[in-house]
N, C-alpha and C. Protein backbone atom coordinates (compact mmCIF):
# COMPACT_ATOMS: atom_id res chain seq x y z
N UNK A 1 1.27 75.74 -10.71
CA UNK A 1 1.86 74.49 -11.09
C UNK A 1 0.13 73.84 -11.77
N UNK A 2 0.82 72.45 -12.19
CA UNK A 2 -0.79 72.07 -12.77
C UNK A 2 -0.97 71.68 -11.41
N UNK A 3 -2.54 70.69 -11.27
CA UNK A 3 -2.91 68.94 -11.35
C UNK A 3 -2.35 68.03 -11.07
N UNK A 4 -2.26 67.54 -10.39
CA UNK A 4 -1.38 66.19 -9.72
C UNK A 4 -2.69 65.32 -9.09
N UNK A 5 -2.78 63.83 -9.24
CA UNK A 5 -3.97 63.05 -9.46
C UNK A 5 -2.35 62.04 -8.96
N UNK A 6 -2.36 60.52 -7.76
CA UNK A 6 -1.69 60.30 -7.10
C UNK A 6 -2.48 58.51 -6.82
N UNK A 7 -2.18 57.44 -7.16
CA UNK A 7 -3.18 56.92 -6.76
C UNK A 7 -2.19 56.20 -5.32
N UNK A 8 -2.98 56.39 -4.59
CA UNK A 8 -2.20 55.38 -3.23
C UNK A 8 -3.50 54.53 -2.63
N UNK A 9 -3.01 53.14 -2.50
CA UNK A 9 -3.27 51.89 -1.73
C UNK A 9 -3.57 52.44 0.00
N UNK A 10 -4.53 51.36 1.04
CA UNK A 10 -4.62 52.49 2.48
C UNK A 10 -3.93 50.84 3.47
N UNK A 11 -2.55 51.27 3.24
CA UNK A 11 -1.96 50.04 3.95
C UNK A 11 -2.92 49.60 5.45
N UNK A 12 -3.14 50.13 6.56
CA UNK A 12 -3.51 49.87 7.89
C UNK A 12 -4.44 51.14 8.05
N UNK A 13 -4.85 51.07 9.03
CA UNK A 13 -6.75 52.28 9.76
C UNK A 13 -6.42 51.74 11.53
N UNK A 14 -6.04 52.80 11.87
CA UNK A 14 -6.24 52.70 13.48
C UNK A 14 -7.27 53.49 13.61
N UNK A 15 -8.00 53.15 14.56
CA UNK A 15 -9.26 52.71 15.23
C UNK A 15 -9.79 53.47 16.79
N UNK A 16 -10.34 54.96 17.33
CA UNK A 16 -10.50 55.15 17.70
C UNK A 16 -11.67 55.30 18.15
N UNK A 17 -11.75 56.14 18.99
CA UNK A 17 -13.57 56.33 20.06
C UNK A 17 -14.41 56.82 17.87
N UNK A 18 -14.39 57.69 18.34
CA UNK A 18 -14.67 58.40 16.80
C UNK A 18 -14.30 59.09 15.72
N UNK A 19 -12.20 58.51 15.79
CA UNK A 19 -11.36 58.73 15.05
C UNK A 19 -10.38 57.97 14.28
N UNK A 20 -10.78 58.09 12.49
CA UNK A 20 -9.44 56.66 12.65
C UNK A 20 -8.33 57.59 12.21
N UNK A 21 -7.63 56.85 12.03
CA UNK A 21 -6.20 57.16 11.57
C UNK A 21 -5.38 56.57 10.41
N UNK A 22 -5.56 56.71 8.93
CA UNK A 22 -5.43 56.25 7.63
C UNK A 22 -4.16 56.24 6.82
N UNK A 23 -3.45 55.04 7.24
CA UNK A 23 -2.02 55.32 6.31
C UNK A 23 -1.98 54.47 5.36
N UNK A 24 -2.07 55.89 4.52
CA UNK A 24 -2.36 55.32 2.88
C UNK A 24 -0.21 55.76 2.07
N UNK A 25 0.51 53.94 1.57
CA UNK A 25 0.90 55.00 0.89
C UNK A 25 1.05 54.84 -0.96
N UNK A 26 2.04 54.65 -1.68
CA UNK A 26 2.01 54.74 -3.61
C UNK A 26 1.05 53.29 -3.76
N UNK A 27 0.54 52.93 -4.76
CA UNK A 27 0.79 51.64 -5.64
C UNK A 27 2.09 50.80 -5.57
N UNK A 28 1.94 49.65 -5.50
CA UNK A 28 2.96 49.69 -6.33
C UNK A 28 2.50 47.61 -6.28
N UNK A 29 3.24 47.37 -7.34
CA UNK A 29 3.33 45.31 -7.24
C UNK A 29 4.31 44.67 -7.82
N UNK A 30 5.12 43.47 -7.23
CA UNK A 30 5.57 43.20 -7.38
C UNK A 30 6.57 43.00 -8.23
N UNK A 31 5.45 42.95 -9.96
CA UNK A 31 5.75 42.60 -10.45
C UNK A 31 4.73 43.26 -12.57
N UNK A 32 4.69 43.96 -12.94
CA UNK A 32 3.81 44.53 -13.71
C UNK A 32 3.51 43.89 -15.87
N UNK A 33 2.75 44.12 -16.39
CA UNK A 33 2.43 43.77 -17.32
C UNK A 33 4.21 44.17 -18.22
N UNK A 34 4.64 43.69 -18.96
CA UNK A 34 5.23 44.78 -20.52
C UNK A 34 4.79 45.25 -20.91
N UNK A 35 3.26 45.21 -21.22
CA UNK A 35 3.26 46.53 -21.92
C UNK A 35 2.27 47.29 -21.63
N UNK A 36 2.84 47.35 -19.47
CA UNK A 36 2.13 48.67 -19.49
C UNK A 36 0.56 49.01 -19.17
N UNK A 37 -0.05 47.94 -19.63
CA UNK A 37 -1.29 48.34 -19.56
C UNK A 37 -2.48 48.26 -17.80
N UNK A 38 -0.99 47.90 -17.45
CA UNK A 38 -1.86 47.71 -15.61
C UNK A 38 -1.89 49.21 -15.25
N UNK A 39 -3.18 50.07 -15.31
CA UNK A 39 -2.30 51.19 -14.15
C UNK A 39 -2.07 51.70 -13.20
N UNK A 40 -1.48 50.34 -12.24
CA UNK A 40 -0.73 51.11 -11.33
C UNK A 40 0.50 51.11 -11.57
N UNK A 41 0.79 50.68 -12.62
CA UNK A 41 1.93 50.48 -12.79
C UNK A 41 2.35 52.32 -13.86
N UNK A 42 1.24 52.69 -14.37
CA UNK A 42 1.57 54.59 -14.36
C UNK A 42 1.64 54.79 -13.72
N UNK A 43 1.05 54.78 -12.60
CA UNK A 43 0.86 55.87 -11.79
C UNK A 43 2.68 55.29 -10.40
N UNK A 44 3.07 53.94 -10.20
CA UNK A 44 4.18 53.74 -9.54
C UNK A 44 5.39 54.12 -10.23
N UNK A 45 5.44 54.49 -11.50
CA UNK A 45 6.64 54.58 -12.57
C UNK A 45 6.68 56.17 -12.45
N UNK A 46 5.41 57.12 -12.58
CA UNK A 46 5.54 58.68 -11.93
C UNK A 46 6.17 58.65 -10.54
N UNK A 47 5.09 58.47 -9.66
CA UNK A 47 5.29 58.22 -8.35
C UNK A 47 5.10 57.47 -7.47
N UNK A 48 7.03 57.17 -7.20
CA UNK A 48 7.52 55.62 -7.29
C UNK A 48 6.61 55.40 -5.44
N UNK A 49 7.50 56.84 -5.06
CA UNK A 49 7.35 56.28 -3.90
C UNK A 49 6.15 58.20 -2.75
N UNK A 50 5.53 57.16 -2.30
CA UNK A 50 4.01 58.47 -1.11
C UNK A 50 3.71 57.83 -0.15
N UNK A 51 3.66 58.65 1.30
CA UNK A 51 2.75 58.01 2.28
C UNK A 51 2.71 59.03 2.70
N UNK A 52 0.84 59.41 3.23
CA UNK A 52 0.00 60.31 3.41
C UNK A 52 -0.49 59.49 5.06
N UNK A 53 -0.44 60.08 6.04
CA UNK A 53 -1.84 59.93 7.35
C UNK A 53 -2.59 61.02 6.94
N UNK A 54 -3.96 59.91 7.39
CA UNK A 54 -4.66 61.74 7.40
C UNK A 54 -5.81 60.99 8.72
N UNK A 55 -5.75 62.62 9.86
CA UNK A 55 -6.54 61.85 11.14
C UNK A 55 -8.30 62.17 10.41
N UNK A 56 -9.29 61.32 9.98
CA UNK A 56 -10.56 61.40 10.01
C UNK A 56 -11.75 61.40 11.62
N UNK A 57 -12.34 62.69 11.65
CA UNK A 57 -13.32 62.57 12.09
C UNK A 57 -14.73 63.18 11.86
N UNK A 58 -14.84 62.71 11.17
CA UNK A 58 -16.31 63.01 10.12
C UNK A 58 -16.93 61.59 10.38
N UNK A 59 -18.20 61.66 11.44
CA UNK A 59 -19.24 60.43 11.90
C UNK A 59 -19.18 59.57 10.42
N UNK A 60 -19.81 60.68 9.08
CA UNK A 60 -20.55 59.79 8.14
C UNK A 60 -19.79 59.72 7.36
N UNK A 61 -17.45 59.51 7.68
CA UNK A 61 -16.57 59.06 6.87
C UNK A 61 -16.56 57.91 8.16
N UNK A 62 -16.62 57.57 8.91
CA UNK A 62 -15.48 56.08 10.26
C UNK A 62 -16.60 54.61 9.10
N UNK A 63 -15.65 54.14 9.52
CA UNK A 63 -15.37 53.05 8.75
C UNK A 63 -15.62 52.58 6.61
N UNK A 64 -15.60 53.21 6.57
CA UNK A 64 -15.94 53.43 5.50
C UNK A 64 -14.61 53.23 4.10
N UNK A 65 -13.63 53.17 4.76
CA UNK A 65 -12.31 53.05 4.28
C UNK A 65 -12.23 52.16 4.65
N UNK A 66 -11.60 51.34 3.58
CA UNK A 66 -11.11 49.49 3.56
C UNK A 66 -9.41 49.68 3.63
N UNK A 67 -9.12 49.33 4.07
CA UNK A 67 -7.48 48.46 4.42
C UNK A 67 -7.65 47.61 2.46
N UNK A 68 -6.33 47.68 2.66
CA UNK A 68 -6.15 47.13 0.87
C UNK A 68 -6.71 46.91 0.02
N UNK A 69 -7.82 48.25 -0.23
CA UNK A 69 -8.73 49.42 -1.37
C UNK A 69 -7.89 51.06 -1.61
N UNK A 70 -7.76 50.53 -3.07
CA UNK A 70 -6.82 52.16 -3.67
C UNK A 70 -7.35 53.31 -3.20
N UNK A 71 -7.03 54.49 -3.98
CA UNK A 71 -7.76 55.64 -4.38
C UNK A 71 -6.94 56.61 -4.62
N UNK A 72 -7.46 57.31 -5.49
CA UNK A 72 -6.28 58.88 -6.03
C UNK A 72 -6.94 59.61 -5.28
N UNK A 73 -6.66 60.45 -5.09
CA UNK A 73 -5.81 61.47 -4.15
C UNK A 73 -5.05 62.31 -5.56
N UNK A 74 -6.27 63.25 -5.24
CA UNK A 74 -6.04 64.94 -6.44
C UNK A 74 -5.66 66.00 -5.53
N UNK A 75 -4.14 66.40 -6.60
CA UNK A 75 -3.43 67.39 -5.53
C UNK A 75 -4.50 69.51 -6.49
N UNK A 76 -4.30 69.94 -6.06
CA UNK A 76 -4.92 71.56 -6.38
C UNK A 76 -4.52 72.57 -6.79
N UNK A 77 -3.89 73.88 -6.44
CA UNK A 77 -4.00 74.58 -6.07
C UNK A 77 -4.76 75.77 -5.39
N UNK A 78 -5.18 75.77 -4.38
CA UNK A 78 -5.83 76.69 -3.44
C UNK A 78 -5.20 78.16 -3.12
N UNK A 79 -6.55 78.93 -3.56
CA UNK A 79 -6.18 79.57 -3.94
C UNK A 79 -6.45 81.09 -3.02
């Protein structure tokens, strides 16, 4: 299996005492430049739909993610 990179935007953060649930979806826009120069255009073309919910309990990461920001997620085979 080849490696894959997705670009996701953090839609919502559910905060609890020592846990955050991060809700991501695929990047998208209402419109893109016709010349394809927007990087999100390329990601949306090949991964038009995605959703990911991740629970974070690492104290070093709590509060570090920001809703509305985009993040790369890399997939590589685990041996």
